[in-house]
Amino acid sequence: MKPRAFAVLAAGACILSGCIIIDADETERGNLHMDLEFGLPNLQSIAIGQDTVMVEIAGACATKQNLYSEVETYRHRRYEIAFEYSDPDNCNAKSAGESRLEWSYDELGIPLDSTVRVVNRVAR
């Protein structure tokens, strides 16, 4: 199959099915703005499922209660999410571990079968 035909086929498949995009290198997009001081500086991974969004933060004592999620809505059921600390993570380094936190689309106000994009940077 020619590369151009494959690209067209892949783009069509993405449009017809729910699409998942992780953009780990943006801090500002549209109306979303992530404050790097309160963002997730130790974000290790992002996983977007059929109906959930999971983030994994290393060296933190993060809970869903001290994180804030900002969801921006676009046309055609497209959503962008930025996660930030609502308060700085002042965790004792000895007690810091790995936090794996998960939100349902319902908790985030996102309908199923939507295109979801997380704009936080992943630590390298």
C-alpha atoms as a PDB file:
ATOM      1  CA  MET A   1       0.000   0.000   0.000  1.00  0.00           C
ATOM      2  CA  LYS A   2       1.317   3.418  -0.904  1.00  0.00           C
ATOM      3  CA  PRO A   3       2.169   5.722   2.045  1.00  0.00           C
ATOM      4  CA  ARG A   4      -0.354   8.366   0.926  1.00  0.00           C
ATOM      5  CA  ALA A   5      -3.165   5.819   0.676  1.00  0.00           C
ATOM      6  CA  PHE A   6      -2.269   4.462   4.103  1.00  0.00           C
ATOM      7  CA  ALA A   7      -2.309   7.986   5.623  1.00  0.00           C
ATOM      8  CA  VAL A   8      -5.753   8.682   4.120  1.00  0.00           C
ATOM      9  CA  LEU A   9      -7.061   5.337   5.363  1.00  0.00           C
ATOM     10  CA  ALA A  10      -5.640   5.905   8.866  1.00  0.00           C
ATOM     11  CA  ALA A  11      -7.100   9.421   9.052  1.00  0.00           C
ATOM     12  CA  GLY A  12     -10.509   8.126   7.962  1.00  0.00           C
ATOM     13  CA  ALA A  13     -10.435   5.365  10.580  1.00  0.00           C
ATOM     14  CA  CYS A  14      -9.544   7.907  13.263  1.00  0.00           C
ATOM     15  CA  ILE A  15     -12.425  10.185  12.270  1.00  0.00           C
ATOM     16  CA  LEU A  16     -14.973   7.361  12.266  1.00  0.00           C
ATOM     17  CA  SER A  17     -13.954   5.977  15.644  1.00  0.00           C
ATOM     18  CA  GLY A  18     -13.387   7.760  18.937  1.00  0.00           C
ATOM     19  CA  CYS A  19      -9.918   9.278  18.706  1.00  0.00           C
ATOM     20  CA  ILE A  20      -7.378   9.531  21.504  1.00  0.00           C
ATOM     21  CA  ILE A  21      -4.634  12.144  21.351  1.00  0.00           C
ATOM     22  CA  ILE A  22      -1.973  12.756  23.970  1.00  0.00           C
ATOM     23  CA  ASP A  23      -0.013  15.935  23.441  1.00  0.00           C
ATOM     24  CA  ALA A  24       2.663  15.855  26.082  1.00  0.00           C
ATOM     25  CA  ASP A  25       4.604  18.935  24.990  1.00  0.00           C
ATOM     26  CA  GLU A  26       2.075  21.756  25.155  1.00  0.00           C
ATOM     27  CA  THR A  27       1.507  24.116  28.041  1.00  0.00           C
ATOM     28  CA  GLU A  28      -0.826  26.539  26.318  1.00  0.00           C
ATOM     29  CA  ARG A  29      -3.488  25.780  23.728  1.00  0.00           C
ATOM     30  CA  GLY A  30      -6.557  27.824  22.936  1.00  0.00           C
ATOM     31  CA  ASN A  31      -8.102  28.938  26.205  1.00  0.00           C
ATOM     32  CA  LEU A  32      -6.296  26.287  28.251  1.00  0.00           C
ATOM     33  CA  HIS A  33      -3.269  27.451  30.180  1.00  0.00           C
ATOM     34  CA  MET A  34      -1.274  25.311  32.560  1.00  0.00           C
ATOM     35  CA  ASP A  35       0.667  27.138  35.257  1.00  0.00           C
ATOM     36  CA  LEU A  36       3.967  25.254  35.368  1.00  0.00           C
ATOM     37  CA  GLU A  37       4.408  26.071  39.068  1.00  0.00           C
ATOM     38  CA  PHE A  38       1.178  24.254  39.915  1.00  0.00           C
ATOM     39  CA  GLY A  39       1.052  21.861  36.930  1.00  0.00           C
ATOM     40  CA  LEU A  40       2.135  18.253  37.256  1.00  0.00           C
ATOM     41  CA  PRO A  41       5.946  18.497  37.072  1.00  0.00           C
ATOM     42  CA  ASN A  42       6.464  14.789  37.820  1.00  0.00           C
ATOM     43  CA  LEU A  43       3.837  13.436  35.435  1.00  0.00           C
ATOM     44  CA  GLN A  44       5.102  10.036  34.306  1.00  0.00           C
ATOM     45  CA  SER A  45       2.314   8.774  32.089  1.00  0.00           C
ATOM     46  CA  ILE A  46      -1.139   9.426  30.714  1.00  0.00           C
ATOM     47  CA  ALA A  47      -3.578   6.727  29.628  1.00  0.00           C
ATOM     48  CA  ILE A  48      -6.870   7.480  27.936  1.00  0.00           C
ATOM     49  CA  GLY A  49      -9.365   4.631  27.777  1.00  0.00           C
ATOM     50  CA  GLN A  50     -12.833   4.233  26.318  1.00  0.00           C
ATOM     51  CA  ASP A  51     -14.393   5.964  29.332  1.00  0.00           C
ATOM     52  CA  THR A  52     -11.524   6.956  31.666  1.00  0.00           C
ATOM     53  CA  VAL A  53      -8.430   9.156  31.872  1.00  0.00           C
ATOM     54  CA  MET A  54      -5.547   8.020  34.106  1.00  0.00           C
ATOM     55  CA  VAL A  55      -2.460  10.004  35.119  1.00  0.00           C
ATOM     56  CA  GLU A  56       0.564   8.652  36.977  1.00  0.00           C
ATOM     57  CA  ILE A  57       2.659  11.084  39.036  1.00  0.00           C
ATOM     58  CA  ALA A  58       6.040  10.064  40.512  1.00  0.00           C
ATOM     59  CA  GLY A  59       7.427  11.421  43.781  1.00  0.00           C
ATOM     60  CA  ALA A  60       4.122  12.887  44.863  1.00  0.00           C
ATOM     61  CA  CYS A  61       1.344  12.421  47.381  1.00  0.00           C
ATOM     62  CA  ALA A  62      -1.291  13.578  44.920  1.00  0.00           C
ATOM     63  CA  THR A  63      -4.948  12.735  45.347  1.00  0.00           C
ATOM     64  CA  LYS A  64      -7.931  13.596  43.192  1.00  0.00           C
ATOM     65  CA  GLN A  65      -8.934  16.095  45.870  1.00  0.00           C
ATOM     66  CA  ASN A  66      -5.802  18.249  45.424  1.00  0.00           C
ATOM     67  CA  LEU A  67      -5.837  18.162  41.613  1.00  0.00           C
ATOM     68  CA  TYR A  68      -7.907  20.395  39.384  1.00  0.00           C
ATOM     69  CA  SER A  69      -8.983  19.417  35.888  1.00  0.00           C
ATOM     70  CA  GLU A  70      -9.806  22.062  33.312  1.00  0.00           C
ATOM     71  CA  VAL A  71     -11.804  20.723  30.371  1.00  0.00           C
ATOM     72  CA  GLU A  72     -12.129  22.751  27.179  1.00  0.00           C
ATOM     73  CA  THR A  73     -14.885  21.786  24.728  1.00  0.00           C
ATOM     74  CA  TYR A  74     -14.546  22.072  20.957  1.00  0.00           C
ATOM     75  CA  ARG A  75     -16.865  21.189  18.071  1.00  0.00           C
ATOM     76  CA  HIS A  76     -17.443  17.633  16.929  1.00  0.00           C
ATOM     77  CA  ARG A  77     -17.164  16.123  20.451  1.00  0.00           C
ATOM     78  CA  ARG A  78     -13.510  17.120  20.907  1.00  0.00           C
ATOM     79  CA  TYR A  79     -12.224  17.820  24.419  1.00  0.00           C
ATOM     80  CA  GLU A  80      -8.876  18.970  25.838  1.00  0.00           C
ATOM     81  CA  ILE A  81      -7.951  18.434  29.476  1.00  0.00           C
ATOM     82  CA  ALA A  82      -5.263  20.124  31.586  1.00  0.00           C
ATOM     83  CA  PHE A  83      -4.550  18.783  35.069  1.00  0.00           C
ATOM     84  CA  GLU A  84      -3.025  21.052  37.730  1.00  0.00           C
ATOM     85  CA  TYR A  85      -2.470  20.981  41.463  1.00  0.00           C
ATOM     86  CA  SER A  86      -5.087  23.120  43.175  1.00  0.00           C
ATOM     87  CA  ASP A  87      -2.518  23.463  45.997  1.00  0.00           C
ATOM     88  CA  PRO A  88       1.234  22.849  45.732  1.00  0.00           C
ATOM     89  CA  ASP A  89       2.262  19.254  46.470  1.00  0.00           C
ATOM     90  CA  ASN A  90       4.181  19.706  49.729  1.00  0.00           C
ATOM     91  CA  CYS A  91       4.714  16.011  50.257  1.00  0.00           C
ATOM     92  CA  ASN A  92       7.534  14.786  52.474  1.00  0.00           C
ATOM     93  CA  ALA A  93      10.105  13.209  50.137  1.00  0.00           C
ATOM     94  CA  LYS A  94      10.367  10.108  52.367  1.00  0.00           C
ATOM     95  CA  SER A  95       6.652   9.429  52.137  1.00  0.00           C
ATOM     96  CA  ALA A  96       6.340  10.341  48.473  1.00  0.00           C
ATOM     97  CA  GLY A  97       5.530   7.481  46.218  1.00  0.00           C
ATOM     98  CA  GLU A  98       3.729   7.085  42.977  1.00  0.00           C
ATOM     99  CA  SER A  99       0.194   8.330  42.569  1.00  0.00           C
ATOM    100  CA  ARG A 100      -2.011   6.717  39.928  1.00  0.00           C
ATOM    101  CA  LEU A 101      -5.247   8.651  39.610  1.00  0.00           C
ATOM    102  CA  GLU A 102      -8.198   7.940  37.350  1.00  0.00           C
ATOM    103  CA  TRP A 103     -11.238   9.979  36.303  1.00  0.00           C
ATOM    104  CA  SER A 104     -14.255   8.734  34.406  1.00  0.00           C
ATOM    105  CA  TYR A 105     -15.458  10.719  31.413  1.00  0.00           C
ATOM    106  CA  ASP A 106     -18.633  11.322  33.430  1.00  0.00           C
ATOM    107  CA  GLU A 107     -16.617  12.942  36.261  1.00  0.00           C
ATOM    108  CA  LEU A 108     -14.962  15.218  33.687  1.00  0.00           C
ATOM    109  CA  GLY A 109     -18.237  16.043  31.916  1.00  0.00           C
ATOM    110  CA  ILE A 110     -17.169  14.338  28.694  1.00  0.00           C
ATOM    111  CA  PRO A 111     -19.620  12.197  26.709  1.00  0.00           C
ATOM    112  CA  LEU A 112     -18.549   8.732  25.585  1.00  0.00           C
ATOM    113  CA  ASP A 113     -17.244   8.343  22.006  1.00  0.00           C
ATOM    114  CA  SER A 114     -15.466  11.704  22.151  1.00  0.00           C
ATOM    115  CA  THR A 115     -11.995  12.733  21.041  1.00  0.00           C
ATOM    116  CA  VAL A 116      -9.979  13.411  24.196  1.00  0.00           C
ATOM    117  CA  ARG A 117      -6.613  15.146  24.431  1.00  0.00           C
ATOM    118  CA  VAL A 118      -4.517  15.762  27.561  1.00  0.00           C
ATOM    119  CA  VAL A 119      -2.192  18.760  27.197  1.00  0.00           C
ATOM    120  CA  ASN A 120       0.074  18.252  30.238  1.00  0.00           C
ATOM    121  CA  ARG A 121       3.779  17.631  29.694  1.00  0.00           C
ATOM    122  CA  VAL A 122       5.103  14.190  30.525  1.00  0.00           C
ATOM    123  CA  ALA A 123       8.412  14.277  32.446  1.00  0.00           C
ATOM    124  CA  ARG A 124      11.340  12.940  30.462  1.00  0.00           C
END
